[in-house]
N, C-alpha and C. Protein backbone atom coordinates (compact mmCIF):
# COMPACT_ATOMS: atom_id res chain seq x y z
N MET A 1 65.99 34.27 -47.05
CA MET A 1 65.81 33.03 -47.86
C MET A 1 65.08 32.25 -47.07
N PRO A 2 63.58 31.92 -47.14
CA PRO A 2 63.04 30.82 -46.15
C PRO A 2 64.01 29.60 -45.87
N LYS A 3 63.47 29.04 -44.77
CA LYS A 3 64.55 28.17 -44.51
C LYS A 3 64.63 26.71 -45.36
N HIS A 4 62.88 26.44 -45.15
CA HIS A 4 62.90 24.85 -46.10
C HIS A 4 63.35 25.37 -47.67
N ILE A 5 63.37 26.73 -48.06
CA ILE A 5 64.16 27.18 -49.03
C ILE A 5 65.83 25.98 -49.39
N CYS A 6 66.48 26.94 -48.24
CA CYS A 6 67.89 26.36 -47.48
C CYS A 6 67.98 25.18 -47.39
N LEU A 7 67.03 24.48 -46.97
CA LEU A 7 66.99 23.11 -46.43
C LEU A 7 67.50 21.98 -48.25
N SER A 8 66.51 22.60 -48.58
CA SER A 8 65.97 22.16 -49.93
C SER A 8 67.38 21.91 -50.89
N ILE A 9 67.62 23.46 -50.64
CA ILE A 9 68.88 23.58 -51.71
C ILE A 9 70.22 22.75 -51.26
N GLU A 10 70.33 22.45 -49.65
CA GLU A 10 71.36 21.45 -49.16
C GLU A 10 71.09 19.68 -49.94
N ILE A 11 70.01 19.89 -49.38
CA ILE A 11 69.66 18.44 -50.17
C ILE A 11 69.81 18.28 -51.14
N PHE A 12 69.79 18.63 -52.23
CA PHE A 12 70.16 19.01 -53.58
C PHE A 12 71.47 18.76 -53.82
N LYS A 13 72.24 19.51 -52.98
CA LYS A 13 73.59 19.63 -53.25
C LYS A 13 74.13 18.14 -52.75
N TYR A 14 73.50 17.82 -51.64
CA TYR A 14 74.08 16.20 -51.30
C TYR A 14 73.41 15.39 -52.65
N LEU A 15 72.35 15.44 -52.89
CA LEU A 15 72.17 14.74 -54.18
C LEU A 15 72.95 14.68 -55.50
N VAL A 16 73.43 15.95 -55.65
CA VAL A 16 74.40 15.64 -56.46
C VAL A 16 75.97 15.24 -56.20
N TYR A 17 76.09 15.32 -55.22
CA TYR A 17 77.57 14.80 -54.83
C TYR A 17 77.73 13.31 -54.76
N VAL A 18 76.25 12.67 -54.25
CA VAL A 18 75.65 11.47 -54.14
C VAL A 18 75.99 10.49 -55.32
N ILE A 19 75.56 11.07 -56.60
CA ILE A 19 74.92 10.73 -57.53
C ILE A 19 76.61 11.00 -58.71
N ILE A 20 77.46 11.83 -58.29
CA ILE A 20 78.36 11.90 -58.78
C ILE A 20 79.20 10.99 -58.28
N ARG A 21 79.30 10.91 -57.39
CA ARG A 21 80.37 9.36 -56.43
C ARG A 21 79.65 8.30 -57.06
N MET A 22 78.91 8.08 -57.32
CA MET A 22 77.77 6.95 -58.05
C MET A 22 78.80 6.60 -59.42
N MET A 23 78.68 8.04 -60.04
CA MET A 23 78.90 7.65 -61.28
C MET A 23 80.86 7.46 -61.41
N LYS A 24 81.04 7.94 -60.84
CA LYS A 24 82.75 7.81 -60.53
C LYS A 24 83.09 6.30 -60.49
N TYR A 25 82.78 5.66 -58.90
CA TYR A 25 82.54 4.49 -59.01
C TYR A 25 81.80 3.08 -59.80
N LYS A 26 80.96 3.69 -60.43
CA LYS A 26 80.12 2.98 -61.44
C LYS A 26 80.74 1.62 -61.88
N SER A 27 80.11 0.35 -62.14
CA SER A 27 80.87 -0.58 -62.77
C SER A 27 81.48 -0.42 -63.91
N LYS A 28 81.65 -1.46 -64.78
CA LYS A 28 82.15 -1.16 -66.01
C LYS A 28 81.38 -1.91 -66.78
N LYS A 29 79.72 -1.48 -67.08
CA LYS A 29 78.75 -2.00 -67.90
C LYS A 29 78.38 -0.73 -68.47
N ILE A 30 78.07 -1.21 -69.36
CA ILE A 30 77.53 0.11 -70.65
C ILE A 30 75.76 -0.37 -70.81
N LYS A 31 74.97 0.60 -71.12
CA LYS A 31 73.71 0.41 -71.91
C LYS A 31 73.64 -0.33 -73.01
N LEU A 32 73.13 -0.95 -73.79
CA LEU A 32 73.27 -1.92 -74.84
C LEU A 32 71.82 -2.10 -75.52
N THR A 33 71.37 -1.23 -76.99
CA THR A 33 69.67 -1.08 -77.21
C THR A 33 69.65 -2.27 -78.24
N LEU A 34 69.00 -3.19 -78.29
CA LEU A 34 68.63 -4.35 -79.02
C LEU A 34 67.38 -4.23 -79.77
N TYR A 35 67.40 -4.58 -81.26
CA TYR A 35 66.04 -4.73 -81.81
C TYR A 35 66.04 -6.09 -82.32
N ILE A 36 65.02 -6.51 -80.77
CA ILE A 36 64.70 -7.92 -80.95
C ILE A 36 63.31 -8.46 -81.55
N ASN A 37 63.14 -9.27 -82.66
CA ASN A 37 61.51 -9.49 -82.26
C ASN A 37 60.33 -9.70 -81.16
N LYS A 38 59.30 -8.86 -81.42
CA LYS A 38 58.60 -8.76 -80.24
C LYS A 38 58.15 -10.55 -79.11
N GLU A 39 57.79 -11.18 -80.28
CA GLU A 39 57.09 -12.38 -79.80
C GLU A 39 58.05 -13.45 -79.60
N VAL A 40 59.65 -13.19 -79.76
CA VAL A 40 60.55 -13.84 -79.39
C VAL A 40 61.05 -13.16 -78.00
N LEU A 41 61.25 -12.14 -77.77
CA LEU A 41 61.36 -11.27 -76.26
C LEU A 41 59.94 -11.84 -75.38
N LYS A 42 59.03 -11.71 -76.11
CA LYS A 42 57.84 -11.50 -74.72
C LYS A 42 57.96 -13.57 -74.12
N ARG A 43 57.92 -14.25 -75.38
CA ARG A 43 58.26 -15.83 -74.80
C ARG A 43 59.49 -15.76 -73.73
N TYR A 44 60.99 -15.40 -74.61
CA TYR A 44 62.31 -15.06 -73.71
C TYR A 44 62.05 -14.97 -71.73
N LYS A 45 60.86 -13.57 -72.32
CA LYS A 45 60.83 -13.02 -70.51
C LYS A 45 60.32 -13.66 -70.01
N LYS A 46 59.11 -14.52 -70.58
CA LYS A 46 58.33 -15.27 -69.37
C LYS A 46 59.51 -16.80 -68.96
N TYR A 47 60.34 -17.09 -70.04
CA TYR A 47 60.88 -17.79 -69.54
C TYR A 47 61.74 -17.62 -68.78
N CYS A 48 62.96 -16.67 -68.84
CA CYS A 48 63.65 -15.97 -67.59
C CYS A 48 62.90 -15.81 -66.13
N GLU A 49 61.77 -15.30 -66.24
CA GLU A 49 60.92 -14.86 -65.07
C GLU A 49 60.39 -16.33 -64.66
N SER A 50 60.24 -17.23 -65.37
CA SER A 50 59.61 -18.71 -64.21
C SER A 50 61.00 -19.01 -63.85
N ARG A 51 62.20 -19.14 -64.57
CA ARG A 51 63.22 -19.86 -63.86
C ARG A 51 64.26 -18.77 -63.06
N GLY A 52 63.82 -17.21 -62.75
CA GLY A 52 64.14 -16.66 -61.81
C GLY A 52 65.37 -16.02 -62.30
N LEU A 53 65.52 -15.71 -63.60
CA LEU A 53 66.86 -15.27 -64.59
C LEU A 53 66.61 -13.85 -65.23
N ILE A 54 67.90 -13.26 -65.09
CA ILE A 54 68.02 -11.88 -65.88
C ILE A 54 67.83 -11.64 -67.31
N ILE A 55 67.44 -11.01 -67.74
CA ILE A 55 67.52 -11.30 -69.45
C ILE A 55 68.82 -11.03 -69.55
N SER A 56 69.50 -9.66 -69.23
CA SER A 56 70.60 -9.02 -69.69
C SER A 56 71.73 -9.52 -69.42
N LYS A 57 71.48 -10.51 -67.70
CA LYS A 57 72.55 -11.37 -67.67
C LYS A 57 73.05 -12.44 -68.43
N GLN A 58 71.41 -12.99 -69.21
CA GLN A 58 71.49 -14.03 -69.97
C GLN A 58 72.14 -13.55 -71.25
N VAL A 59 71.96 -12.35 -71.69
CA VAL A 59 72.66 -11.99 -73.13
C VAL A 59 73.97 -11.74 -72.80
N GLU A 60 74.45 -11.32 -71.81
CA GLU A 60 76.02 -11.35 -71.09
C GLU A 60 76.75 -13.22 -71.14
N ASN A 61 76.09 -13.49 -70.87
CA ASN A 61 76.60 -14.83 -71.00
C ASN A 61 76.89 -15.40 -72.37
N PHE A 62 75.47 -15.24 -72.93
CA PHE A 62 75.54 -15.79 -74.04
C PHE A 62 76.91 -15.14 -75.12
N MET A 63 77.34 -13.85 -74.98
CA MET A 63 78.47 -12.98 -75.47
C MET A 63 79.46 -13.82 -75.12
N GLY A 64 79.83 -13.93 -73.56
CA GLY A 64 81.07 -14.33 -73.41
C GLY A 64 81.06 -16.06 -73.88
N ASN A 65 79.90 -16.88 -73.31
CA ASN A 65 80.14 -18.09 -74.12
C ASN A 65 80.71 -18.18 -75.33
N GLU A 66 79.74 -17.60 -76.33
CA GLU A 66 80.06 -16.89 -78.09
C GLU A 66 81.99 -16.76 -77.93
N LEU A 67 82.45 -15.93 -77.44
CA LEU A 67 84.22 -15.46 -77.13
C LEU A 67 85.07 -16.28 -76.85
N LYS A 68 84.45 -17.11 -76.09
CA LYS A 68 85.15 -18.64 -75.76
C LYS A 68 85.48 -19.37 -76.37
N LYS A 69 84.07 -19.45 -77.49
CA LYS A 69 84.38 -20.87 -78.45
C LYS A 69 85.44 -20.33 -79.90
N ARG A 70 85.42 -19.63 -79.67
CA ARG A 70 86.10 -18.68 -81.23
C ARG A 70 87.64 -18.42 -80.35
N LYS A 71 88.53 -18.69 -79.38
CA LYS A 71 89.75 -18.76 -78.96
C LYS A 71 90.27 -19.60 -79.72
């Protein structure tokens, strides 16, 4: 087998190893799909960008605050 193919296989094996390790120690976050009014999302995205906020973190904070209110 040509040397560059062997090297590529070794790189591939290493990348798979790294990905598996990352998945093993992944944080406790999951992906959430939402259907949101396009115009509302567009406006909120601009709002977050202008304040240096991350939309997903804002949703997470909102959900956490709602749960605290209901205790």
